[in-house]
Amino acid sequence: MDAQIAAPARREGTRLRLPPAVRSQQILDAALAVFAERGYAAARMDDIALRAGLSKGGLYAHFASKDEVFEALLSRVLVAPELGEPPAAALGSEALVDWLLDELDASLGRPELRAVLRLLVSEAERVPAMVARWRSTVIEPFLSAVGELLARHLGGQRPGAAPPLLAREPWLALSPAVHALLMQLVLPQDLLYPPQRVRQAHRELLLLMLAQG
């Protein structure tokens, strides 16, 4: 389990009164820690309440079921990455690629995201509507934004010509990073490629594809 995921338990007697929104986020932090440790199926509402420093009744005042906690957790974490301001076109492809890789590292490198994706891989059949919504509201808009960015950078398209491959299929620009993330979810640390090797290979591939248009 990622060390950053752990949420310390708090004795009920020392529990502070917090606004409902703050308490809900605290519960979701606790739920993520419990789900990561035990898996969704083995986790109990009692476990989440204990980790959050609440009574079971206090937990049910915020969430009616474990499924509801899980869906709220997915909604909190699986949000569309916000792309920053790209470098000026005059700086060339290398600046664009380095910027895009930095954006991907920041978005995909969050321990909370990795923990939730690991849960989602194992529990996708339990929440098919949530998975479909994630694709339509997070994945597709992000791919569209990346595709538009790459199309602007490539520019100069001849009238009637097909758009460049990366503009048509922007998921190709992200595939090495997504592959590396998937490997992090299923393989032990000692079997993973070094991050710098993955980034360098991704960088070279993107520069090659951009050069080919």
N, C-alpha and C. Protein backbone atom coordinates (compact mmCIF):
# COMPACT_ATOMS: atom_id res chain seq x y z
N MET A 1 0.85 -1.20 0.00
CA MET A 1 0.00 0.00 0.00
C MET A 1 0.88 1.24 0.00
N ASP A 2 0.51 2.24 -0.74
CA ASP A 2 1.27 3.49 -0.73
C ASP A 2 1.24 4.10 0.66
N ALA A 3 2.41 4.51 1.12
CA ALA A 3 2.50 5.05 2.48
C ALA A 3 1.62 6.27 2.66
N GLN A 4 1.46 7.04 1.58
CA GLN A 4 0.70 8.29 1.69
C GLN A 4 -0.79 8.05 1.86
N ILE A 5 -1.24 6.78 1.62
CA ILE A 5 -2.67 6.50 1.67
C ILE A 5 -3.15 6.33 3.10
N ALA A 6 -2.26 5.90 3.99
CA ALA A 6 -2.69 5.57 5.34
C ALA A 6 -3.37 6.74 6.02
N ALA A 7 -4.51 6.45 6.67
CA ALA A 7 -5.24 7.47 7.41
C ALA A 7 -5.29 7.05 8.87
N PRO A 8 -4.68 7.77 9.77
CA PRO A 8 -4.61 7.34 11.16
C PRO A 8 -5.98 7.31 11.83
N ALA A 9 -6.18 6.29 12.64
CA ALA A 9 -7.42 6.21 13.40
C ALA A 9 -7.39 7.22 14.54
N ARG A 10 -8.57 7.67 14.94
CA ARG A 10 -8.66 8.64 16.04
C ARG A 10 -9.69 8.11 17.04
N ARG A 11 -9.35 8.17 18.30
CA ARG A 11 -10.28 7.68 19.32
C ARG A 11 -11.56 8.51 19.30
N GLU A 12 -12.67 7.81 19.47
CA GLU A 12 -13.96 8.49 19.45
C GLU A 12 -14.03 9.59 20.50
N GLY A 13 -13.37 9.36 21.66
CA GLY A 13 -13.45 10.34 22.73
C GLY A 13 -12.76 11.65 22.42
N THR A 14 -11.82 11.61 21.46
CA THR A 14 -11.11 12.84 21.12
C THR A 14 -11.58 13.43 19.79
N ARG A 15 -12.67 12.91 19.25
CA ARG A 15 -13.14 13.35 17.94
C ARG A 15 -13.58 14.80 17.98
N LEU A 16 -13.13 15.55 17.00
CA LEU A 16 -13.53 16.94 16.88
C LEU A 16 -14.80 17.05 16.06
N ARG A 17 -15.57 18.09 16.32
CA ARG A 17 -16.75 18.36 15.49
C ARG A 17 -16.28 19.09 14.25
N LEU A 18 -16.57 18.51 13.12
CA LEU A 18 -16.14 19.09 11.85
C LEU A 18 -17.35 19.35 10.97
N PRO A 19 -17.26 20.32 10.05
CA PRO A 19 -18.34 20.52 9.09
C PRO A 19 -18.58 19.23 8.31
N PRO A 20 -19.83 18.96 7.92
CA PRO A 20 -20.15 17.71 7.21
C PRO A 20 -19.26 17.45 6.00
N ALA A 21 -18.98 18.49 5.21
CA ALA A 21 -18.16 18.30 4.01
C ALA A 21 -16.75 17.85 4.38
N VAL A 22 -16.20 18.43 5.44
CA VAL A 22 -14.86 18.06 5.88
C VAL A 22 -14.87 16.64 6.43
N ARG A 23 -15.89 16.31 7.21
CA ARG A 23 -15.98 14.97 7.77
C ARG A 23 -16.13 13.93 6.67
N SER A 24 -16.90 14.25 5.63
CA SER A 24 -17.07 13.31 4.51
C SER A 24 -15.74 13.01 3.84
N GLN A 25 -14.92 14.05 3.66
CA GLN A 25 -13.61 13.84 3.04
C GLN A 25 -12.72 13.00 3.95
N GLN A 26 -12.82 13.21 5.24
CA GLN A 26 -12.05 12.41 6.19
C GLN A 26 -12.48 10.94 6.10
N ILE A 27 -13.76 10.71 5.97
CA ILE A 27 -14.27 9.35 5.83
C ILE A 27 -13.74 8.70 4.56
N LEU A 28 -13.73 9.46 3.47
CA LEU A 28 -13.23 8.91 2.21
C LEU A 28 -11.74 8.60 2.29
N ASP A 29 -10.98 9.44 3.00
CA ASP A 29 -9.56 9.14 3.23
C ASP A 29 -9.42 7.81 3.97
N ALA A 30 -10.23 7.64 5.00
CA ALA A 30 -10.19 6.41 5.78
C ALA A 30 -10.62 5.21 4.94
N ALA A 31 -11.65 5.39 4.13
CA ALA A 31 -12.14 4.30 3.29
C ALA A 31 -11.07 3.86 2.30
N LEU A 32 -10.38 4.81 1.71
CA LEU A 32 -9.34 4.46 0.75
C LEU A 32 -8.24 3.63 1.42
N ALA A 33 -7.87 4.02 2.63
CA ALA A 33 -6.85 3.26 3.36
C ALA A 33 -7.34 1.84 3.65
N VAL A 34 -8.58 1.71 4.06
CA VAL A 34 -9.14 0.38 4.38
C VAL A 34 -9.28 -0.46 3.12
N PHE A 35 -9.81 0.12 2.05
CA PHE A 35 -9.96 -0.63 0.80
C PHE A 35 -8.60 -1.08 0.28
N ALA A 36 -7.59 -0.21 0.38
CA ALA A 36 -6.26 -0.55 -0.12
C ALA A 36 -5.64 -1.69 0.69
N GLU A 37 -5.92 -1.71 1.98
CA GLU A 37 -5.36 -2.75 2.84
C GLU A 37 -6.08 -4.08 2.69
N ARG A 38 -7.41 -4.05 2.62
CA ARG A 38 -8.20 -5.27 2.72
C ARG A 38 -8.87 -5.68 1.42
N GLY A 39 -8.93 -4.76 0.46
CA GLY A 39 -9.75 -5.02 -0.71
C GLY A 39 -11.18 -4.62 -0.43
N TYR A 40 -11.92 -4.32 -1.49
CA TYR A 40 -13.28 -3.83 -1.29
C TYR A 40 -14.16 -4.89 -0.62
N ALA A 41 -14.10 -6.12 -1.11
CA ALA A 41 -15.01 -7.16 -0.63
C ALA A 41 -14.84 -7.43 0.86
N ALA A 42 -13.60 -7.42 1.35
CA ALA A 42 -13.34 -7.76 2.75
C ALA A 42 -13.52 -6.57 3.69
N ALA A 43 -13.53 -5.37 3.15
CA ALA A 43 -13.68 -4.18 4.00
C ALA A 43 -15.10 -4.08 4.54
N ARG A 44 -15.23 -3.61 5.77
CA ARG A 44 -16.54 -3.43 6.40
C ARG A 44 -16.74 -1.97 6.79
N MET A 45 -17.99 -1.59 6.90
CA MET A 45 -18.28 -0.23 7.36
C MET A 45 -17.69 0.00 8.75
N ASP A 46 -17.69 -1.04 9.59
CA ASP A 46 -17.07 -0.93 10.92
C ASP A 46 -15.60 -0.54 10.81
N ASP A 47 -14.90 -1.14 9.83
CA ASP A 47 -13.48 -0.84 9.64
C ASP A 47 -13.27 0.62 9.25
N ILE A 48 -14.14 1.10 8.35
CA ILE A 48 -14.03 2.48 7.89
C ILE A 48 -14.31 3.45 9.03
N ALA A 49 -15.35 3.14 9.81
CA ALA A 49 -15.69 4.00 10.95
C ALA A 49 -14.54 4.07 11.94
N LEU A 50 -13.94 2.92 12.24
CA LEU A 50 -12.82 2.88 13.18
C LEU A 50 -11.65 3.71 12.66
N ARG A 51 -11.33 3.55 11.38
CA ARG A 51 -10.21 4.28 10.80
C ARG A 51 -10.47 5.79 10.80
N ALA A 52 -11.72 6.17 10.61
CA ALA A 52 -12.08 7.59 10.58
C ALA A 52 -12.27 8.17 11.98
N GLY A 53 -12.25 7.32 13.01
CA GLY A 53 -12.46 7.81 14.37
C GLY A 53 -13.90 8.13 14.67
N LEU A 54 -14.83 7.39 14.03
CA LEU A 54 -16.26 7.62 14.21
C LEU A 54 -16.93 6.38 14.76
N SER A 55 -18.10 6.58 15.35
CA SER A 55 -18.96 5.45 15.65
C SER A 55 -19.58 4.97 14.34
N LYS A 56 -20.11 3.75 14.34
CA LYS A 56 -20.76 3.25 13.14
C LYS A 56 -21.95 4.13 12.78
N GLY A 57 -22.68 4.59 13.80
CA GLY A 57 -23.81 5.48 13.54
C GLY A 57 -23.35 6.80 12.94
N GLY A 58 -22.20 7.29 13.41
CA GLY A 58 -21.67 8.53 12.85
C GLY A 58 -21.32 8.38 11.39
N LEU A 59 -20.80 7.20 11.02
CA LEU A 59 -20.48 6.95 9.62
C LEU A 59 -21.74 6.90 8.77
N TYR A 60 -22.78 6.20 9.28
CA TYR A 60 -24.02 6.08 8.51
C TYR A 60 -24.76 7.41 8.39
N ALA A 61 -24.42 8.37 9.22
CA ALA A 61 -25.02 9.70 9.06
C ALA A 61 -24.53 10.38 7.79
N HIS A 62 -23.40 9.91 7.26
CA HIS A 62 -22.83 10.50 6.05
C HIS A 62 -23.01 9.61 4.82
N PHE A 63 -22.91 8.31 5.00
CA PHE A 63 -23.00 7.37 3.87
C PHE A 63 -23.87 6.19 4.27
N ALA A 64 -24.80 5.84 3.39
CA ALA A 64 -25.78 4.80 3.72
C ALA A 64 -25.24 3.39 3.55
N SER A 65 -24.16 3.22 2.78
CA SER A 65 -23.67 1.88 2.51
C SER A 65 -22.21 1.94 2.07
N LYS A 66 -21.59 0.78 2.04
CA LYS A 66 -20.22 0.70 1.55
C LYS A 66 -20.15 1.05 0.06
N ASP A 67 -21.15 0.63 -0.70
CA ASP A 67 -21.19 0.98 -2.12
C ASP A 67 -21.23 2.50 -2.30
N GLU A 68 -21.98 3.17 -1.46
CA GLU A 68 -22.08 4.63 -1.56
C GLU A 68 -20.74 5.28 -1.23
N VAL A 69 -20.04 4.75 -0.24
CA VAL A 69 -18.71 5.26 0.08
C VAL A 69 -17.78 5.06 -1.12
N PHE A 70 -17.84 3.89 -1.71
CA PHE A 70 -16.96 3.56 -2.84
C PHE A 70 -17.23 4.49 -4.02
N GLU A 71 -18.49 4.72 -4.34
CA GLU A 71 -18.82 5.59 -5.46
C GLU A 71 -18.39 7.03 -5.19
N ALA A 72 -18.54 7.48 -3.96
CA ALA A 72 -18.10 8.84 -3.62
C ALA A 72 -16.58 8.96 -3.73
N LEU A 73 -15.88 7.91 -3.35
CA LEU A 73 -14.43 7.91 -3.46
C LEU A 73 -13.99 7.97 -4.91
N LEU A 74 -14.64 7.19 -5.77
CA LEU A 74 -14.31 7.23 -7.20
C LEU A 74 -14.59 8.61 -7.78
N SER A 75 -15.72 9.21 -7.39
CA SER A 75 -16.07 10.53 -7.90
C SER A 75 -15.05 11.58 -7.48
N ARG A 76 -14.48 11.43 -6.29
CA ARG A 76 -13.51 12.41 -5.81
C ARG A 76 -12.18 12.30 -6.54
N VAL A 77 -11.75 11.09 -6.80
CA VAL A 77 -10.40 10.88 -7.31
C VAL A 77 -10.34 10.86 -8.84
N LEU A 78 -11.34 10.26 -9.47
CA LEU A 78 -11.29 10.09 -10.93
C LEU A 78 -11.86 11.32 -11.61
N VAL A 79 -11.10 12.37 -11.61
CA VAL A 79 -11.50 13.64 -12.24
C VAL A 79 -10.54 13.94 -13.37
N ALA A 80 -11.02 14.72 -14.33
CA ALA A 80 -10.21 15.04 -15.50
C ALA A 80 -8.99 15.88 -15.09
N PRO A 81 -7.81 15.48 -15.52
CA PRO A 81 -6.62 16.31 -15.26
C PRO A 81 -6.77 17.67 -15.93
N GLU A 82 -6.32 18.70 -15.27
CA GLU A 82 -6.35 20.04 -15.86
C GLU A 82 -4.98 20.34 -16.46
N LEU A 83 -4.96 20.44 -17.78
CA LEU A 83 -3.71 20.75 -18.46
C LEU A 83 -3.31 22.19 -18.19
N GLY A 84 -2.05 22.40 -17.90
CA GLY A 84 -1.55 23.75 -17.73
C GLY A 84 -1.36 24.44 -19.06
N GLU A 85 -0.70 25.57 -19.03
CA GLU A 85 -0.47 26.34 -20.25
C GLU A 85 0.69 25.72 -21.02
N PRO A 86 0.45 25.27 -22.27
CA PRO A 86 1.54 24.66 -23.04
C PRO A 86 2.58 25.68 -23.46
N PRO A 87 3.77 25.23 -23.78
CA PRO A 87 4.81 26.16 -24.22
C PRO A 87 4.47 26.77 -25.57
N ALA A 88 5.06 27.90 -25.86
CA ALA A 88 4.83 28.56 -27.14
C ALA A 88 5.28 27.66 -28.28
N ALA A 89 4.51 27.68 -29.38
CA ALA A 89 4.81 26.83 -30.53
C ALA A 89 6.22 27.06 -31.05
N ALA A 90 6.70 28.29 -30.92
CA ALA A 90 8.02 28.62 -31.44
C ALA A 90 9.14 27.85 -30.74
N LEU A 91 8.85 27.31 -29.55
CA LEU A 91 9.87 26.58 -28.81
C LEU A 91 10.09 25.18 -29.35
N GLY A 92 9.17 24.72 -30.22
CA GLY A 92 9.38 23.46 -30.91
C GLY A 92 8.83 22.23 -30.19
N SER A 93 9.04 21.08 -30.85
CA SER A 93 8.46 19.82 -30.38
C SER A 93 9.05 19.35 -29.07
N GLU A 94 10.34 19.56 -28.87
CA GLU A 94 10.95 19.07 -27.63
C GLU A 94 10.34 19.74 -26.40
N ALA A 95 10.10 21.04 -26.48
CA ALA A 95 9.48 21.74 -25.36
C ALA A 95 8.07 21.24 -25.12
N LEU A 96 7.32 20.99 -26.20
CA LEU A 96 5.95 20.49 -26.06
C LEU A 96 5.94 19.11 -25.43
N VAL A 97 6.81 18.23 -25.90
CA VAL A 97 6.85 16.87 -25.37
C VAL A 97 7.25 16.86 -23.90
N ASP A 98 8.26 17.64 -23.54
CA ASP A 98 8.67 17.69 -22.13
C ASP A 98 7.54 18.22 -21.25
N TRP A 99 6.83 19.22 -21.75
CA TRP A 99 5.69 19.77 -21.00
C TRP A 99 4.61 18.71 -20.83
N LEU A 100 4.27 17.99 -21.92
CA LEU A 100 3.22 16.98 -21.84
C LEU A 100 3.60 15.87 -20.88
N LEU A 101 4.84 15.43 -20.92
CA LEU A 101 5.28 14.38 -20.00
C LEU A 101 5.24 14.85 -18.55
N ASP A 102 5.58 16.10 -18.31
CA ASP A 102 5.47 16.65 -16.95
C ASP A 102 4.01 16.65 -16.49
N GLU A 103 3.10 17.03 -17.39
CA GLU A 103 1.68 17.04 -17.05
C GLU A 103 1.20 15.62 -16.72
N LEU A 104 1.61 14.65 -17.51
CA LEU A 104 1.21 13.27 -17.26
C LEU A 104 1.78 12.75 -15.95
N ASP A 105 3.04 13.08 -15.68
CA ASP A 105 3.64 12.66 -14.41
C ASP A 105 2.86 13.21 -13.22
N ALA A 106 2.48 14.48 -13.32
CA ALA A 106 1.74 15.11 -12.22
C ALA A 106 0.36 14.49 -12.05
N SER A 107 -0.29 14.14 -13.16
CA SER A 107 -1.66 13.62 -13.11
C SER A 107 -1.69 12.15 -12.70
N LEU A 108 -0.80 11.34 -13.28
CA LEU A 108 -0.85 9.90 -13.07
C LEU A 108 0.00 9.44 -11.91
N GLY A 109 0.84 10.31 -11.38
CA GLY A 109 1.74 9.91 -10.32
C GLY A 109 1.18 10.01 -8.92
N ARG A 110 -0.07 10.44 -8.78
CA ARG A 110 -0.66 10.60 -7.44
C ARG A 110 -0.89 9.23 -6.79
N PRO A 111 -0.38 8.99 -5.58
CA PRO A 111 -0.63 7.72 -4.91
C PRO A 111 -2.11 7.42 -4.75
N GLU A 112 -2.92 8.45 -4.48
CA GLU A 112 -4.35 8.26 -4.32
C GLU A 112 -4.97 7.72 -5.60
N LEU A 113 -4.54 8.24 -6.74
CA LEU A 113 -5.08 7.76 -8.02
C LEU A 113 -4.69 6.32 -8.26
N ARG A 114 -3.44 5.97 -7.99
CA ARG A 114 -3.02 4.58 -8.19
C ARG A 114 -3.82 3.63 -7.31
N ALA A 115 -4.05 4.02 -6.07
CA ALA A 115 -4.80 3.15 -5.17
C ALA A 115 -6.23 2.96 -5.65
N VAL A 116 -6.86 4.03 -6.13
CA VAL A 116 -8.24 3.93 -6.61
C VAL A 116 -8.31 3.14 -7.91
N LEU A 117 -7.36 3.33 -8.80
CA LEU A 117 -7.37 2.56 -10.05
C LEU A 117 -7.16 1.08 -9.77
N ARG A 118 -6.34 0.76 -8.78
CA ARG A 118 -6.17 -0.64 -8.42
C ARG A 118 -7.50 -1.23 -7.95
N LEU A 119 -8.24 -0.47 -7.19
CA LEU A 119 -9.57 -0.92 -6.77
C LEU A 119 -10.51 -1.05 -7.95
N LEU A 120 -10.45 -0.08 -8.85
CA LEU A 120 -11.36 -0.07 -9.99
C LEU A 120 -11.12 -1.27 -10.89
N VAL A 121 -9.86 -1.64 -11.07
CA VAL A 121 -9.54 -2.81 -11.90
C VAL A 121 -10.22 -4.05 -11.34
N SER A 122 -10.21 -4.20 -10.03
CA SER A 122 -10.78 -5.40 -9.42
C SER A 122 -12.29 -5.31 -9.20
N GLU A 123 -12.84 -4.10 -9.17
CA GLU A 123 -14.25 -3.94 -8.82
C GLU A 123 -15.08 -3.32 -9.94
N ALA A 124 -14.57 -3.28 -11.16
CA ALA A 124 -15.26 -2.59 -12.25
C ALA A 124 -16.67 -3.15 -12.48
N GLU A 125 -16.84 -4.46 -12.32
CA GLU A 125 -18.16 -5.05 -12.55
C GLU A 125 -19.17 -4.61 -11.50
N ARG A 126 -18.70 -4.14 -10.37
CA ARG A 126 -19.61 -3.71 -9.30
C ARG A 126 -20.21 -2.33 -9.59
N VAL A 127 -19.46 -1.51 -10.32
CA VAL A 127 -19.92 -0.13 -10.57
C VAL A 127 -19.81 0.20 -12.07
N PRO A 128 -20.50 -0.54 -12.94
CA PRO A 128 -20.36 -0.29 -14.38
C PRO A 128 -20.79 1.11 -14.79
N ALA A 129 -21.80 1.66 -14.14
CA ALA A 129 -22.24 3.01 -14.49
C ALA A 129 -21.17 4.03 -14.15
N MET A 130 -20.48 3.82 -13.03
CA MET A 130 -19.41 4.73 -12.64
C MET A 130 -18.24 4.65 -13.62
N VAL A 131 -17.92 3.45 -14.07
CA VAL A 131 -16.83 3.28 -15.04
C VAL A 131 -17.19 3.97 -16.34
N ALA A 132 -18.43 3.80 -16.80
CA ALA A 132 -18.87 4.44 -18.04
C ALA A 132 -18.84 5.96 -17.90
N ARG A 133 -19.26 6.46 -16.74
CA ARG A 133 -19.24 7.90 -16.52
C ARG A 133 -17.81 8.43 -16.48
N TRP A 134 -16.91 7.68 -15.87
CA TRP A 134 -15.50 8.07 -15.84
C TRP A 134 -14.96 8.20 -17.25
N ARG A 135 -15.31 7.24 -18.10
CA ARG A 135 -14.81 7.31 -19.48
C ARG A 135 -15.37 8.54 -20.20
N SER A 136 -16.67 8.79 -20.03
CA SER A 136 -17.30 9.88 -20.80
C SER A 136 -16.97 11.26 -20.25
N THR A 137 -16.75 11.38 -18.95
CA THR A 137 -16.54 12.71 -18.36
C THR A 137 -15.08 13.02 -18.03
N VAL A 138 -14.23 12.00 -18.03
CA VAL A 138 -12.82 12.21 -17.69
C VAL A 138 -11.91 11.83 -18.86
N ILE A 139 -11.98 10.58 -19.27
CA ILE A 139 -11.04 10.08 -20.27
C ILE A 139 -11.25 10.75 -21.62
N GLU A 140 -12.48 10.72 -22.13
CA GLU A 140 -12.73 11.26 -23.47
C GLU A 140 -12.43 12.76 -23.56
N PRO A 141 -12.88 13.60 -22.60
CA PRO A 141 -12.53 15.02 -22.68
C PRO A 141 -11.03 15.27 -22.63
N PHE A 142 -10.33 14.50 -21.81
CA PHE A 142 -8.88 14.67 -21.72
C PHE A 142 -8.20 14.30 -23.03
N LEU A 143 -8.63 13.19 -23.63
CA LEU A 143 -8.06 12.80 -24.92
C LEU A 143 -8.36 13.84 -25.98
N SER A 144 -9.56 14.39 -25.95
CA SER A 144 -9.93 15.42 -26.91
C SER A 144 -9.03 16.65 -26.76
N ALA A 145 -8.78 17.05 -25.51
CA ALA A 145 -7.93 18.22 -25.27
C ALA A 145 -6.50 17.97 -25.76
N VAL A 146 -5.99 16.77 -25.51
CA VAL A 146 -4.64 16.44 -25.98
C VAL A 146 -4.60 16.41 -27.50
N GLY A 147 -5.65 15.84 -28.13
CA GLY A 147 -5.71 15.79 -29.58
C GLY A 147 -5.73 17.17 -30.21
N GLU A 148 -6.50 18.08 -29.63
CA GLU A 148 -6.56 19.45 -30.15
C GLU A 148 -5.20 20.14 -30.00
N LEU A 149 -4.56 19.91 -28.89
CA LEU A 149 -3.24 20.50 -28.65
C LEU A 149 -2.23 20.01 -29.68
N LEU A 150 -2.23 18.71 -29.93
CA LEU A 150 -1.28 18.15 -30.89
C LEU A 150 -1.61 18.60 -32.31
N ALA A 151 -2.89 18.72 -32.62
CA ALA A 151 -3.28 19.18 -33.96
C ALA A 151 -2.80 20.61 -34.19
N ARG A 152 -2.93 21.46 -33.16
CA ARG A 152 -2.46 22.84 -33.30
C ARG A 152 -0.95 22.88 -33.50
N HIS A 153 -0.26 22.03 -32.77
CA HIS A 153 1.20 22.02 -32.89
C HIS A 153 1.63 21.53 -34.27
N LEU A 154 0.97 20.50 -34.77
CA LEU A 154 1.36 19.96 -36.07
C LEU A 154 0.99 20.92 -37.19
N GLY A 155 -0.25 21.47 -37.12
CA GLY A 155 -0.68 22.51 -38.05
C GLY A 155 -0.38 22.20 -39.51
N GLY A 156 -0.56 23.21 -40.35
CA GLY A 156 -0.16 23.12 -41.75
C GLY A 156 -0.77 21.98 -42.53
N GLN A 157 -1.93 21.52 -42.14
CA GLN A 157 -2.55 20.39 -42.83
C GLN A 157 -3.03 20.81 -44.22
N ARG A 158 -2.72 20.00 -45.22
CA ARG A 158 -3.16 20.30 -46.58
C ARG A 158 -4.67 20.15 -46.69
N PRO A 159 -5.35 21.00 -47.47
CA PRO A 159 -6.79 20.86 -47.66
C PRO A 159 -7.15 19.47 -48.16
N GLY A 160 -8.11 18.84 -47.50
CA GLY A 160 -8.55 17.51 -47.90
C GLY A 160 -7.72 16.38 -47.36
N ALA A 161 -6.57 16.68 -46.76
CA ALA A 161 -5.71 15.63 -46.22
C ALA A 161 -6.25 15.14 -44.87
N ALA A 162 -5.98 13.89 -44.57
CA ALA A 162 -6.40 13.34 -43.28
C ALA A 162 -5.60 14.01 -42.16
N PRO A 163 -6.22 14.22 -41.00
CA PRO A 163 -5.47 14.79 -39.87
C PRO A 163 -4.29 13.90 -39.51
N PRO A 164 -3.23 14.46 -38.96
CA PRO A 164 -2.08 13.64 -38.53
C PRO A 164 -2.52 12.57 -37.53
N LEU A 165 -1.77 11.48 -37.51
CA LEU A 165 -2.14 10.33 -36.68
C LEU A 165 -2.34 10.71 -35.22
N LEU A 166 -1.41 11.47 -34.64
CA LEU A 166 -1.54 11.81 -33.22
C LEU A 166 -2.76 12.68 -32.95
N ALA A 167 -3.16 13.50 -33.93
CA ALA A 167 -4.36 14.31 -33.75
C ALA A 167 -5.61 13.46 -33.86
N ARG A 168 -5.58 12.43 -34.72
CA ARG A 168 -6.74 11.54 -34.88
C ARG A 168 -6.87 10.58 -33.70
N GLU A 169 -5.75 10.09 -33.23
CA GLU A 169 -5.74 9.06 -32.18
C GLU A 169 -4.83 9.52 -31.03
N PRO A 170 -5.26 10.53 -30.28
CA PRO A 170 -4.38 11.09 -29.23
C PRO A 170 -4.04 10.11 -28.13
N TRP A 171 -4.80 9.03 -27.99
CA TRP A 171 -4.47 8.04 -26.97
C TRP A 171 -3.09 7.43 -27.21
N LEU A 172 -2.65 7.45 -28.49
CA LEU A 172 -1.31 6.93 -28.78
C LEU A 172 -0.23 7.75 -28.07
N ALA A 173 -0.48 9.04 -27.92
CA ALA A 173 0.50 9.91 -27.26
C ALA A 173 0.63 9.59 -25.78
N LEU A 174 -0.41 8.99 -25.20
CA LEU A 174 -0.43 8.71 -23.77
C LEU A 174 -0.10 7.25 -23.44
N SER A 175 -0.10 6.39 -24.46
CA SER A 175 -0.03 4.94 -24.22
C SER A 175 1.16 4.49 -23.37
N PRO A 176 2.39 4.98 -23.61
CA PRO A 176 3.49 4.51 -22.76
C PRO A 176 3.29 4.85 -21.28
N ALA A 177 2.75 6.02 -21.00
CA ALA A 177 2.52 6.40 -19.60
C ALA A 177 1.42 5.54 -18.98
N VAL A 178 0.38 5.26 -19.76
CA VAL A 178 -0.71 4.42 -19.25
C VAL A 178 -0.22 2.99 -19.03
N HIS A 179 0.59 2.50 -19.96
CA HIS A 179 1.17 1.16 -19.80
C HIS A 179 2.01 1.09 -18.52
N ALA A 180 2.84 2.10 -18.30
CA ALA A 180 3.67 2.12 -17.10
C ALA A 180 2.82 2.14 -15.84
N LEU A 181 1.72 2.91 -15.88
CA LEU A 181 0.82 2.96 -14.72
C LEU A 181 0.19 1.60 -14.47
N LEU A 182 -0.24 0.92 -15.53
CA LEU A 182 -0.84 -0.41 -15.38
C LEU A 182 0.16 -1.38 -14.76
N MET A 183 1.41 -1.32 -15.20
CA MET A 183 2.43 -2.19 -14.63
C MET A 183 2.62 -1.91 -13.14
N GLN A 184 2.53 -0.65 -12.75
CA GLN A 184 2.64 -0.29 -11.33
C GLN A 184 1.51 -0.91 -10.52
N LEU A 185 0.36 -1.09 -11.15
CA LEU A 185 -0.79 -1.63 -10.44
C LEU A 185 -0.70 -3.13 -10.23
N VAL A 186 0.02 -3.83 -11.12
CA VAL A 186 -0.02 -5.30 -11.09
C VAL A 186 1.32 -5.96 -10.77
N LEU A 187 2.43 -5.22 -10.87
CA LEU A 187 3.74 -5.83 -10.65
C LEU A 187 4.40 -5.30 -9.39
N PRO A 188 5.23 -6.11 -8.75
CA PRO A 188 6.00 -5.61 -7.60
C PRO A 188 7.05 -4.60 -8.07
N GLN A 189 7.47 -3.76 -7.16
CA GLN A 189 8.37 -2.66 -7.49
C GLN A 189 9.65 -3.13 -8.17
N ASP A 190 10.19 -4.27 -7.75
CA ASP A 190 11.48 -4.71 -8.29
C ASP A 190 11.40 -5.21 -9.72
N LEU A 191 10.20 -5.38 -10.27
CA LEU A 191 10.04 -5.83 -11.65
C LEU A 191 9.70 -4.69 -12.60
N LEU A 192 9.59 -3.48 -12.10
CA LEU A 192 9.22 -2.34 -12.93
C LEU A 192 10.44 -1.75 -13.61
N TYR A 193 10.23 -1.20 -14.81
CA TYR A 193 11.29 -0.44 -15.46
C TYR A 193 11.53 0.84 -14.67
N PRO A 194 12.77 1.31 -14.62
CA PRO A 194 13.04 2.58 -13.93
C PRO A 194 12.24 3.71 -14.56
N PRO A 195 11.66 4.61 -13.75
CA PRO A 195 10.84 5.70 -14.31
C PRO A 195 11.57 6.52 -15.37
N GLN A 196 12.87 6.78 -15.16
CA GLN A 196 13.59 7.60 -16.13
C GLN A 196 13.70 6.90 -17.48
N ARG A 197 13.84 5.58 -17.46
CA ARG A 197 13.88 4.82 -18.71
C ARG A 197 12.55 4.92 -19.44
N VAL A 198 11.47 4.78 -18.70
CA VAL A 198 10.13 4.88 -19.30
C VAL A 198 9.92 6.26 -19.90
N ARG A 199 10.29 7.29 -19.16
CA ARG A 199 10.08 8.65 -19.65
C ARG A 199 10.92 8.92 -20.90
N GLN A 200 12.18 8.48 -20.89
CA GLN A 200 13.04 8.74 -22.04
C GLN A 200 12.51 8.03 -23.29
N ALA A 201 12.06 6.79 -23.14
CA ALA A 201 11.50 6.07 -24.28
C ALA A 201 10.23 6.75 -24.79
N HIS A 202 9.39 7.20 -23.87
CA HIS A 202 8.16 7.90 -24.23
C HIS A 202 8.51 9.19 -24.98
N ARG A 203 9.50 9.90 -24.49
CA ARG A 203 9.91 11.15 -25.11
C ARG A 203 10.39 10.91 -26.54
N GLU A 204 11.24 9.92 -26.72
CA GLU A 204 11.77 9.64 -28.06
C GLU A 204 10.65 9.24 -29.02
N LEU A 205 9.70 8.43 -28.53
CA LEU A 205 8.59 8.01 -29.38
C LEU A 205 7.74 9.19 -29.82
N LEU A 206 7.41 10.08 -28.89
CA LEU A 206 6.59 11.25 -29.24
C LEU A 206 7.31 12.16 -30.23
N LEU A 207 8.59 12.38 -30.02
CA LEU A 207 9.33 13.24 -30.95
C LEU A 207 9.37 12.62 -32.34
N LEU A 208 9.52 11.31 -32.41
CA LEU A 208 9.52 10.63 -33.70
C LEU A 208 8.17 10.77 -34.39
N MET A 209 7.09 10.57 -33.65
CA MET A 209 5.75 10.66 -34.24
C MET A 209 5.42 12.09 -34.65
N LEU A 210 5.84 13.06 -33.86
CA LEU A 210 5.60 14.45 -34.23
C LEU A 210 6.40 14.84 -35.48
N ALA A 211 7.60 14.30 -35.60
CA ALA A 211 8.42 14.62 -36.77
C ALA A 211 7.81 14.04 -38.04
N GLN A 212 7.12 12.91 -37.90
CA GLN A 212 6.51 12.28 -39.07
C GLN A 212 5.17 12.91 -39.42
N GLY A 213 4.59 13.70 -38.48
CA GLY A 213 3.34 14.40 -38.75
C GLY A 213 2.13 13.50 -38.75
